[in-house]
Amino acid sequence: MNVPQAIELLLNRMNTRQQFVGGAFAALGATTGSLQMQQRDVNAAISQWREAHDMSGLRQVTSMLHVYGNLTDAEFEQIMETLDGEK
């Protein structure tokens, strides 16, 4: 796996989370403002990587998605190894 593939997996998992939580919140009549903030964090992390090759934001997003259960332990480890391997 390379960094663009890791980003693709993160975006896929983020979109899965938005669909699930968005549907659950919509059923309750609530908003998904926190998901919008998380999407901004993901976008900022990707921009930070593209502009400065700084992986810290991507690591944080990876950890966040893992905590929320959107990444398996194996996916989490694979992405972190990819990010740690990039210089």
Protein backbone atom coordinates (compact mmCIF):
# COMPACT_ATOMS: atom_id res chain seq x y z
CA MET A 1 0.00 0.00 0.00
CA ASN A 2 1.18 3.52 -0.75
CA VAL A 3 -0.04 6.82 0.70
CA PRO A 4 -2.63 7.56 -2.04
CA GLN A 5 -4.09 4.07 -1.50
CA ALA A 6 -4.15 4.68 2.26
CA ILE A 7 -5.96 7.98 1.71
CA GLU A 8 -8.46 6.26 -0.57
CA LEU A 9 -9.17 3.68 2.15
CA LEU A 10 -9.56 6.42 4.77
CA LEU A 11 -11.99 8.34 2.56
CA ASN A 12 -13.95 5.17 1.87
CA ARG A 13 -14.27 4.45 5.58
CA MET A 14 -15.15 8.08 6.33
CA ASN A 15 -17.92 7.98 3.71
CA THR A 16 -19.22 4.73 5.19
CA ARG A 17 -19.34 6.38 8.60
CA GLN A 18 -21.16 9.41 7.24
CA GLN A 19 -23.79 7.27 5.55
CA PHE A 20 -24.42 5.20 8.67
CA VAL A 21 -24.43 8.03 11.20
CA GLY A 22 -26.19 10.45 8.86
CA GLY A 23 -29.03 8.00 8.38
CA ALA A 24 -29.30 7.33 12.10
CA PHE A 25 -29.30 11.05 12.93
CA ALA A 26 -31.81 11.83 10.20
CA ALA A 27 -34.17 9.25 11.68
CA LEU A 28 -33.93 11.11 14.99
CA GLY A 29 -34.25 14.56 13.42
CA ALA A 30 -30.71 15.58 14.50
CA THR A 31 -27.87 17.18 12.55
CA THR A 32 -24.53 15.77 11.46
CA GLY A 33 -22.39 18.80 12.31
CA SER A 34 -19.68 16.71 13.96
CA LEU A 35 -19.33 14.67 10.78
CA GLN A 36 -18.83 17.87 8.81
CA MET A 37 -16.07 18.88 11.23
CA GLN A 38 -14.45 15.46 10.81
CA GLN A 39 -14.65 15.82 7.02
CA ARG A 40 -12.85 19.17 7.32
CA ASP A 41 -10.17 17.44 9.42
CA VAL A 42 -9.76 14.76 6.75
CA ASN A 43 -9.51 17.38 3.99
CA ALA A 44 -6.98 19.38 6.02
CA ALA A 45 -4.90 16.25 6.66
CA ILE A 46 -4.82 15.43 2.94
CA SER A 47 -3.85 19.01 2.07
CA GLN A 48 -1.12 18.96 4.72
CA TRP A 49 0.30 15.78 3.19
CA ARG A 50 0.12 17.12 -0.38
CA GLU A 51 1.68 20.48 0.43
CA ALA A 52 4.28 19.59 3.07
CA HIS A 53 4.44 15.77 3.06
CA ASP A 54 3.46 16.00 6.72
CA MET A 55 1.81 12.74 7.82
CA SER A 56 0.65 13.89 11.28
CA GLY A 57 -2.87 14.78 10.16
CA LEU A 58 -3.28 11.49 8.32
CA ARG A 59 -2.13 9.61 11.40
CA GLN A 60 -4.68 11.48 13.52
CA VAL A 61 -7.50 10.74 11.06
CA THR A 62 -6.47 7.09 10.94
CA SER A 63 -6.58 6.89 14.72
CA MET A 64 -9.96 8.64 14.84
CA LEU A 65 -11.53 6.23 12.36
CA HIS A 66 -10.03 3.26 14.19
CA VAL A 67 -11.47 4.46 17.51
CA TYR A 68 -14.91 4.87 15.91
CA GLY A 69 -14.68 1.32 14.56
CA ASN A 70 -14.50 2.24 10.89
CA LEU A 71 -11.08 0.66 10.47
CA THR A 72 -10.22 -2.87 11.50
CA ASP A 73 -7.09 -3.44 13.54
CA ALA A 74 -5.39 -4.86 10.42
CA GLU A 75 -6.35 -1.84 8.30
CA PHE A 76 -5.20 0.52 11.03
CA GLU A 77 -1.81 -1.20 11.29
CA GLN A 78 -1.37 -1.33 7.52
CA ILE A 79 -2.14 2.37 7.08
CA MET A 80 0.10 3.39 9.98
CA GLU A 81 2.97 1.28 8.61
CA THR A 82 2.48 2.95 5.23
CA LEU A 83 2.51 6.43 6.76
CA ASP A 84 5.51 5.62 8.95
CA GLY A 85 7.38 4.24 5.94
CA GLU A 86 7.00 7.42 3.91
CA LYS A 87 9.74 10.01 4.30
